[in-house]
């Protein structure tokens, strides 16, 4: 069985107000996407990586692959107009490269801190169930609102999970689901798991962690830098 990773780096990250997409911002001299890719580069269960990239930044990213010796990156393809389309492009690019029972891991380029234990537990669960999605319980009180100004009902947080990436799916499952979205002309699913649920697939949760920061704002960079002071595995204990 092969395990292949798709890194979603097709976004611009306009909320960062930077001179480059957020995945290419340097932290301690290293681009975020490189820090991200190292997590999968050093995992001996991962066979290859496809990066779905902003078109204008593909030449720059190819230089990063060479300079940082990211040998598991075997393909770089252009992103789509939405996150859904970018993921679809990545999945469809694997036609003829993977068998149905192989696993596809999908991960945000802007989430650079992923301990090896998180990756491995997710892979084990996906092998068992056909899919796995990192997720964490919700501890805050959740109030339902229809106007973002007021609310009058509480949601039972014991029935809610916060979904993260990475996520993993059997190739035959994820490929067939994206074929269905094409046939139905649906392109706005935020993550593959919401698409899977839409078509009746039960999603299995794998252990996530609170420090799985997605770098979206400048405050997130400060938070990520603070986390680098800790051993990564201590963040999930």
C-alpha atoms as a PDB file:
ATOM      1  CA  UNK A   1       0.000   0.000   0.000  1.00  0.00           C
ATOM      2  CA  UNK A   2       1.219   3.470  -0.905  1.00  0.00           C
ATOM      3  CA  UNK A   3       0.592   6.611   1.128  1.00  0.00           C
ATOM      4  CA  UNK A   4       0.641   9.879  -0.791  1.00  0.00           C
ATOM      5  CA  UNK A   5       0.291  13.401   0.615  1.00  0.00           C
ATOM      6  CA  UNK A   6      -1.436  16.343  -1.067  1.00  0.00           C
ATOM      7  CA  UNK A   7      -0.368  19.720   0.331  1.00  0.00           C
ATOM      8  CA  UNK A   8      -2.841  22.524  -0.351  1.00  0.00           C
ATOM      9  CA  UNK A   9      -0.826  25.659  -1.126  1.00  0.00           C
ATOM     10  CA  UNK A  10      -3.176  27.266  -3.637  1.00  0.00           C
ATOM     11  CA  UNK A  11      -4.437  30.111  -1.453  1.00  0.00           C
ATOM     12  CA  UNK A  12      -3.330  33.739  -1.404  1.00  0.00           C
ATOM     13  CA  UNK A  13      -3.866  34.458   2.298  1.00  0.00           C
ATOM     14  CA  UNK A  14      -5.133  38.023   1.897  1.00  0.00           C
ATOM     15  CA  UNK A  15      -5.838  38.392   5.628  1.00  0.00           C
ATOM     16  CA  UNK A  16      -2.105  38.326   6.308  1.00  0.00           C
ATOM     17  CA  UNK A  17      -1.527  41.576   4.360  1.00  0.00           C
ATOM     18  CA  UNK A  18       1.915  40.296   3.362  1.00  0.00           C
ATOM     19  CA  UNK A  19       3.881  40.594   0.135  1.00  0.00           C
ATOM     20  CA  UNK A  20       3.486  36.876  -0.539  1.00  0.00           C
ATOM     21  CA  UNK A  21       1.040  34.030   0.117  1.00  0.00           C
ATOM     22  CA  UNK A  22       1.068  32.984   3.767  1.00  0.00           C
ATOM     23  CA  UNK A  23       2.557  29.563   3.003  1.00  0.00           C
ATOM     24  CA  UNK A  24       5.706  31.247   1.669  1.00  0.00           C
ATOM     25  CA  UNK A  25       6.241  33.631   4.576  1.00  0.00           C
ATOM     26  CA  UNK A  26       9.568  32.926   6.259  1.00  0.00           C
ATOM     27  CA  UNK A  27       9.733  32.149   9.968  1.00  0.00           C
ATOM     28  CA  UNK A  28      13.241  32.004  11.400  1.00  0.00           C
ATOM     29  CA  UNK A  29      14.506  32.115   7.826  1.00  0.00           C
ATOM     30  CA  UNK A  30      12.529  29.101   6.576  1.00  0.00           C
ATOM     31  CA  UNK A  31       9.287  29.316   4.551  1.00  0.00           C
ATOM     32  CA  UNK A  32       6.199  27.967   6.304  1.00  0.00           C
ATOM     33  CA  UNK A  33       5.576  25.439   3.540  1.00  0.00           C
ATOM     34  CA  UNK A  34       9.076  23.997   3.939  1.00  0.00           C
ATOM     35  CA  UNK A  35       8.555  23.525   7.681  1.00  0.00           C
ATOM     36  CA  UNK A  36       5.295  21.811   6.811  1.00  0.00           C
ATOM     37  CA  UNK A  37       6.810  19.498   4.222  1.00  0.00           C
ATOM     38  CA  UNK A  38       9.582  18.383   6.582  1.00  0.00           C
ATOM     39  CA  UNK A  39       6.924  16.688   8.736  1.00  0.00           C
ATOM     40  CA  UNK A  40       6.063  14.331   5.888  1.00  0.00           C
ATOM     41  CA  UNK A  41       9.546  14.162   4.367  1.00  0.00           C
ATOM     42  CA  UNK A  42      10.865  12.554   7.566  1.00  0.00           C
ATOM     43  CA  UNK A  43       7.993  10.114   8.036  1.00  0.00           C
ATOM     44  CA  UNK A  44       9.084   6.768   6.609  1.00  0.00           C
ATOM     45  CA  UNK A  45       5.487   5.742   5.889  1.00  0.00           C
ATOM     46  CA  UNK A  46       5.017   8.505   3.327  1.00  0.00           C
ATOM     47  CA  UNK A  47       5.893   7.542  -0.247  1.00  0.00           C
ATOM     48  CA  UNK A  48       5.364  10.807  -2.107  1.00  0.00           C
ATOM     49  CA  UNK A  49       3.996  14.339  -1.974  1.00  0.00           C
ATOM     50  CA  UNK A  50       2.043  16.427  -4.466  1.00  0.00           C
ATOM     51  CA  UNK A  51       1.857  20.165  -3.841  1.00  0.00           C
ATOM     52  CA  UNK A  52      -1.084  22.143  -5.222  1.00  0.00           C
ATOM     53  CA  UNK A  53       0.360  25.625  -5.600  1.00  0.00           C
ATOM     54  CA  UNK A  54      -0.560  29.177  -6.557  1.00  0.00           C
ATOM     55  CA  UNK A  55       0.316  29.311 -10.264  1.00  0.00           C
ATOM     56  CA  UNK A  56       2.542  32.399 -10.044  1.00  0.00           C
ATOM     57  CA  UNK A  57       4.585  30.878  -7.221  1.00  0.00           C
ATOM     58  CA  UNK A  58       5.297  27.483  -8.768  1.00  0.00           C
ATOM     59  CA  UNK A  59       8.778  28.485 -10.069  1.00  0.00           C
ATOM     60  CA  UNK A  60       9.732  29.776  -6.612  1.00  0.00           C
ATOM     61  CA  UNK A  61       8.431  26.637  -4.948  1.00  0.00           C
ATOM     62  CA  UNK A  62      10.410  24.437  -7.338  1.00  0.00           C
ATOM     63  CA  UNK A  63      13.533  26.271  -6.167  1.00  0.00           C
ATOM     64  CA  UNK A  64      12.598  25.510  -2.551  1.00  0.00           C
ATOM     65  CA  UNK A  65      12.245  21.819  -3.375  1.00  0.00           C
ATOM     66  CA  UNK A  66      15.801  21.758  -4.704  1.00  0.00           C
ATOM     67  CA  UNK A  67      17.360  24.007  -2.073  1.00  0.00           C
ATOM     68  CA  UNK A  68      15.849  22.147   0.882  1.00  0.00           C
ATOM     69  CA  UNK A  69      16.216  18.677  -0.686  1.00  0.00           C
ATOM     70  CA  UNK A  70      12.525  17.828  -0.416  1.00  0.00           C
ATOM     71  CA  UNK A  71      12.989  14.552  -2.238  1.00  0.00           C
ATOM     72  CA  UNK A  72       9.487  13.197  -1.612  1.00  0.00           C
ATOM     73  CA  UNK A  73       7.880  16.031  -3.582  1.00  0.00           C
ATOM     74  CA  UNK A  74       7.197  14.343  -6.911  1.00  0.00           C
ATOM     75  CA  UNK A  75       4.699  16.732  -8.467  1.00  0.00           C
ATOM     76  CA  UNK A  76       3.663  20.397  -8.298  1.00  0.00           C
ATOM     77  CA  UNK A  77       0.365  21.344  -9.912  1.00  0.00           C
ATOM     78  CA  UNK A  78      -1.709  24.479 -10.266  1.00  0.00           C
ATOM     79  CA  UNK A  79      -4.396  25.263  -7.716  1.00  0.00           C
ATOM     80  CA  UNK A  80      -8.050  25.851  -8.507  1.00  0.00           C
ATOM     81  CA  UNK A  81     -10.342  28.806  -7.920  1.00  0.00           C
ATOM     82  CA  UNK A  82     -11.517  27.374  -4.574  1.00  0.00           C
ATOM     83  CA  UNK A  83     -10.001  25.132  -1.934  1.00  0.00           C
ATOM     84  CA  UNK A  84     -12.348  22.398  -3.095  1.00  0.00           C
ATOM     85  CA  UNK A  85     -11.105  22.698  -6.672  1.00  0.00           C
ATOM     86  CA  UNK A  86      -7.473  22.648  -5.528  1.00  0.00           C
ATOM     87  CA  UNK A  87      -8.030  19.437  -3.592  1.00  0.00           C
ATOM     88  CA  UNK A  88      -9.856  17.923  -6.565  1.00  0.00           C
ATOM     89  CA  UNK A  89      -6.936  18.836  -8.834  1.00  0.00           C
ATOM     90  CA  UNK A  90      -4.572  17.094  -6.457  1.00  0.00           C
ATOM     91  CA  UNK A  91      -6.686  13.954  -6.224  1.00  0.00           C
ATOM     92  CA  UNK A  92      -7.271  13.711  -9.975  1.00  0.00           C
ATOM     93  CA  UNK A  93      -3.532  14.172 -10.638  1.00  0.00           C
ATOM     94  CA  UNK A  94      -2.974  10.818  -8.925  1.00  0.00           C
ATOM     95  CA  UNK A  95      -4.937   8.854 -11.545  1.00  0.00           C
ATOM     96  CA  UNK A  96      -2.781   5.979 -12.694  1.00  0.00           C
ATOM     97  CA  UNK A  97      -0.314   6.492  -9.836  1.00  0.00           C
ATOM     98  CA  UNK A  98      -2.291   4.987  -6.953  1.00  0.00           C
ATOM     99  CA  UNK A  99      -4.446   1.919  -6.495  1.00  0.00           C
ATOM    100  CA  UNK A 100      -7.841   2.005  -4.829  1.00  0.00           C
ATOM    101  CA  UNK A 101      -6.602   0.769  -1.448  1.00  0.00           C
ATOM    102  CA  UNK A 102      -3.773   3.321  -1.280  1.00  0.00           C
ATOM    103  CA  UNK A 103      -4.141   6.293   1.055  1.00  0.00           C
ATOM    104  CA  UNK A 104      -4.277   9.979   0.183  1.00  0.00           C
ATOM    105  CA  UNK A 105      -3.413  12.432   2.961  1.00  0.00           C
ATOM    106  CA  UNK A 106      -4.709  15.997   2.549  1.00  0.00           C
ATOM    107  CA  UNK A 107      -3.093  18.796   4.540  1.00  0.00           C
ATOM    108  CA  UNK A 108      -3.108  22.600   4.660  1.00  0.00           C
ATOM    109  CA  UNK A 109       0.209  24.205   3.697  1.00  0.00           C
ATOM    110  CA  UNK A 110      -0.330  26.824   6.417  1.00  0.00           C
ATOM    111  CA  UNK A 111      -0.326  24.235   9.246  1.00  0.00           C
ATOM    112  CA  UNK A 112       3.412  23.706   9.766  1.00  0.00           C
ATOM    113  CA  UNK A 113       3.364  22.000  13.174  1.00  0.00           C
ATOM    114  CA  UNK A 114       2.311  18.348  12.926  1.00  0.00           C
ATOM    115  CA  UNK A 115       3.926  15.873  15.360  1.00  0.00           C
ATOM    116  CA  UNK A 116       4.773  12.456  13.979  1.00  0.00           C
ATOM    117  CA  UNK A 117       2.450  10.747  16.455  1.00  0.00           C
ATOM    118  CA  UNK A 118      -0.507  12.701  15.039  1.00  0.00           C
ATOM    119  CA  UNK A 119       0.365  11.627  11.497  1.00  0.00           C
ATOM    120  CA  UNK A 120       0.861   7.984  12.420  1.00  0.00           C
ATOM    121  CA  UNK A 121      -2.321   7.645  14.477  1.00  0.00           C
ATOM    122  CA  UNK A 122      -4.294   9.186  11.632  1.00  0.00           C
ATOM    123  CA  UNK A 123      -2.773   6.754   9.123  1.00  0.00           C
ATOM    124  CA  UNK A 124      -3.554   3.778  11.353  1.00  0.00           C
ATOM    125  CA  UNK A 125      -7.184   4.831  11.723  1.00  0.00           C
ATOM    126  CA  UNK A 126      -7.553   5.479   7.981  1.00  0.00           C
ATOM    127  CA  UNK A 127      -6.175   2.034   7.187  1.00  0.00           C
ATOM    128  CA  UNK A 128      -8.756   0.529   9.545  1.00  0.00           C
ATOM    129  CA  UNK A 129     -11.803   2.593   8.529  1.00  0.00           C
ATOM    130  CA  UNK A 130     -11.061   3.925   5.040  1.00  0.00           C
ATOM    131  CA  UNK A 131     -10.801   7.509   6.246  1.00  0.00           C
ATOM    132  CA  UNK A 132      -9.581   9.537   9.211  1.00  0.00           C
ATOM    133  CA  UNK A 133      -9.785  13.203  10.087  1.00  0.00           C
ATOM    134  CA  UNK A 134      -7.818  14.902  12.855  1.00  0.00           C
ATOM    135  CA  UNK A 135     -10.215  16.608  15.224  1.00  0.00           C
ATOM    136  CA  UNK A 136     -10.464  17.878  18.789  1.00  0.00           C
ATOM    137  CA  UNK A 137     -13.363  18.264  21.234  1.00  0.00           C
ATOM    138  CA  UNK A 138     -14.919  21.674  21.807  1.00  0.00           C
ATOM    139  CA  UNK A 139     -14.496  22.940  25.377  1.00  0.00           C
ATOM    140  CA  UNK A 140     -15.967  26.432  25.035  1.00  0.00           C
ATOM    141  CA  UNK A 141     -19.662  27.210  25.307  1.00  0.00           C
ATOM    142  CA  UNK A 142     -21.276  27.376  21.857  1.00  0.00           C
ATOM    143  CA  UNK A 143     -24.242  29.681  21.249  1.00  0.00           C
ATOM    144  CA  UNK A 144     -26.308  29.491  18.060  1.00  0.00           C
ATOM    145  CA  UNK A 145     -26.837  32.807  16.254  1.00  0.00           C
ATOM    146  CA  UNK A 146     -28.476  33.864  13.026  1.00  0.00           C
ATOM    147  CA  UNK A 147     -27.102  37.414  12.916  1.00  0.00           C
ATOM    148  CA  UNK A 148     -23.673  37.361  14.661  1.00  0.00           C
ATOM    149  CA  UNK A 149     -25.071  39.890  17.162  1.00  0.00           C
ATOM    150  CA  UNK A 150     -27.252  37.845  19.489  1.00  0.00           C
ATOM    151  CA  UNK A 151     -28.196  34.275  20.285  1.00  0.00           C
ATOM    152  CA  UNK A 152     -30.776  32.407  22.313  1.00  0.00           C
ATOM    153  CA  UNK A 153     -29.866  28.726  22.219  1.00  0.00           C
ATOM    154  CA  UNK A 154     -26.875  26.696  23.353  1.00  0.00           C
ATOM    155  CA  UNK A 155     -25.450  23.851  21.299  1.00  0.00           C
ATOM    156  CA  UNK A 156     -24.505  20.675  23.146  1.00  0.00           C
ATOM    157  CA  UNK A 157     -20.727  20.776  22.800  1.00  0.00           C
ATOM    158  CA  UNK A 158     -20.430  17.064  23.570  1.00  0.00           C
ATOM    159  CA  UNK A 159     -21.836  16.518  20.075  1.00  0.00           C
ATOM    160  CA  UNK A 160     -19.358  18.819  18.319  1.00  0.00           C
ATOM    161  CA  UNK A 161     -15.797  18.249  17.120  1.00  0.00           C
ATOM    162  CA  UNK A 162     -13.411  20.826  15.662  1.00  0.00           C
ATOM    163  CA  UNK A 163     -12.029  19.418  12.435  1.00  0.00           C
ATOM    164  CA  UNK A 164      -8.421  19.977  11.373  1.00  0.00           C
ATOM    165  CA  UNK A 165      -5.988  18.677   8.807  1.00  0.00           C
ATOM    166  CA  UNK A 166      -4.286  16.353   8.061  1.00  0.00           C
ATOM    167  CA  UNK A 167      -7.014  14.023   6.850  1.00  0.00           C
ATOM    168  CA  UNK A 168      -6.604  10.681   5.076  1.00  0.00           C
ATOM    169  CA  UNK A 169      -8.805   8.706   2.685  1.00  0.00           C
ATOM    170  CA  UNK A 170      -8.621   5.574   0.600  1.00  0.00           C
ATOM    171  CA  UNK A 171      -7.913   6.677  -2.942  1.00  0.00           C
ATOM    172  CA  UNK A 172     -10.932   4.917  -4.423  1.00  0.00           C
ATOM    173  CA  UNK A 173     -13.226   6.665  -1.913  1.00  0.00           C
ATOM    174  CA  UNK A 174     -11.891  10.190  -2.290  1.00  0.00           C
ATOM    175  CA  UNK A 175     -11.609   9.933  -6.070  1.00  0.00           C
ATOM    176  CA  UNK A 176     -15.190   8.722  -6.465  1.00  0.00           C
ATOM    177  CA  UNK A 177     -16.477  11.520  -4.221  1.00  0.00           C
ATOM    178  CA  UNK A 178     -14.765  14.213  -6.283  1.00  0.00           C
ATOM    179  CA  UNK A 179     -16.151  12.644  -9.447  1.00  0.00           C
ATOM    180  CA  UNK A 180     -19.617  13.017  -7.938  1.00  0.00           C
ATOM    181  CA  UNK A 181     -19.057  16.693  -7.136  1.00  0.00           C
ATOM    182  CA  UNK A 182     -18.035  17.265 -10.745  1.00  0.00           C
ATOM    183  CA  UNK A 183     -21.182  15.555 -11.993  1.00  0.00           C
ATOM    184  CA  UNK A 184     -23.283  17.625  -9.568  1.00  0.00           C
ATOM    185  CA  UNK A 185     -21.356  20.858 -10.279  1.00  0.00           C
ATOM    186  CA  UNK A 186     -20.515  21.388  -6.599  1.00  0.00           C
ATOM    187  CA  UNK A 187     -17.311  23.283  -5.841  1.00  0.00           C
ATOM    188  CA  UNK A 188     -17.635  24.935  -2.431  1.00  0.00           C
ATOM    189  CA  UNK A 189     -16.884  22.242   0.132  1.00  0.00           C
ATOM    190  CA  UNK A 190     -14.302  23.657   2.543  1.00  0.00           C
ATOM    191  CA  UNK A 191     -12.695  20.293   3.285  1.00  0.00           C
ATOM    192  CA  UNK A 192     -12.950  16.814   1.854  1.00  0.00           C
ATOM    193  CA  UNK A 193     -14.690  15.591   5.003  1.00  0.00           C
ATOM    194  CA  UNK A 194     -17.662  17.925   4.520  1.00  0.00           C
ATOM    195  CA  UNK A 195     -17.961  16.664   0.962  1.00  0.00           C
ATOM    196  CA  UNK A 196     -17.827  13.068   2.177  1.00  0.00           C
ATOM    197  CA  UNK A 197     -20.550  13.702   4.750  1.00  0.00           C
ATOM    198  CA  UNK A 198     -22.692  15.373   2.098  1.00  0.00           C
ATOM    199  CA  UNK A 199     -22.636  12.133   0.122  1.00  0.00           C
ATOM    200  CA  UNK A 200     -23.362   9.938   3.139  1.00  0.00           C
ATOM    201  CA  UNK A 201     -19.882   8.796   4.163  1.00  0.00           C
ATOM    202  CA  UNK A 202     -19.277   8.447   7.896  1.00  0.00           C
ATOM    203  CA  UNK A 203     -16.108  10.263   8.959  1.00  0.00           C
ATOM    204  CA  UNK A 204     -13.838   8.774  11.610  1.00  0.00           C
ATOM    205  CA  UNK A 205     -11.977  11.078  13.984  1.00  0.00           C
ATOM    206  CA  UNK A 206      -8.293  10.767  14.746  1.00  0.00           C
ATOM    207  CA  UNK A 207      -6.494  12.565  17.547  1.00  0.00           C
ATOM    208  CA  UNK A 208      -5.870  16.235  16.796  1.00  0.00           C
ATOM    209  CA  UNK A 209      -4.311  18.830  19.069  1.00  0.00           C
ATOM    210  CA  UNK A 210      -5.011  22.384  20.174  1.00  0.00           C
ATOM    211  CA  UNK A 211      -1.659  23.693  18.949  1.00  0.00           C
ATOM    212  CA  UNK A 212      -2.343  22.710  15.340  1.00  0.00           C
ATOM    213  CA  UNK A 213      -2.181  26.357  14.335  1.00  0.00           C
ATOM    214  CA  UNK A 214      -3.222  27.397  10.844  1.00  0.00           C
ATOM    215  CA  UNK A 215      -1.210  30.509  10.020  1.00  0.00           C
ATOM    216  CA  UNK A 216      -3.753  33.025   8.779  1.00  0.00           C
ATOM    217  CA  UNK A 217      -2.939  36.263  10.641  1.00  0.00           C
ATOM    218  CA  UNK A 218       0.175  37.879  12.094  1.00  0.00           C
ATOM    219  CA  UNK A 219      -0.982  36.795  15.556  1.00  0.00           C
ATOM    220  CA  UNK A 220      -0.782  33.190  14.381  1.00  0.00           C
ATOM    221  CA  UNK A 221       2.893  33.667  13.526  1.00  0.00           C
ATOM    222  CA  UNK A 222       3.610  34.828  17.078  1.00  0.00           C
ATOM    223  CA  UNK A 223       1.728  31.822  18.456  1.00  0.00           C
ATOM    224  CA  UNK A 224       3.623  29.428  16.204  1.00  0.00           C
ATOM    225  CA  UNK A 225       6.987  30.898  17.228  1.00  0.00           C
ATOM    226  CA  UNK A 226       6.065  30.404  20.879  1.00  0.00           C
ATOM    227  CA  UNK A 227       5.204  26.763  20.226  1.00  0.00           C
ATOM    228  CA  UNK A 228       8.630  26.135  18.703  1.00  0.00           C
ATOM    229  CA  UNK A 229      10.103  26.383  22.210  1.00  0.00           C
ATOM    230  CA  UNK A 230       8.517  23.035  23.079  1.00  0.00           C
ATOM    231  CA  UNK A 231       9.211  19.490  21.993  1.00  0.00           C
ATOM    232  CA  UNK A 232       6.502  18.837  19.408  1.00  0.00           C
ATOM    233  CA  UNK A 233       5.316  15.599  20.998  1.00  0.00           C
ATOM    234  CA  UNK A 234       4.808  17.346  24.351  1.00  0.00           C
ATOM    235  CA  UNK A 235       2.114  19.468  22.701  1.00  0.00           C
ATOM    236  CA  UNK A 236      -0.169  16.460  22.262  1.00  0.00           C
ATOM    237  CA  UNK A 237       0.196  14.879  25.692  1.00  0.00           C
END
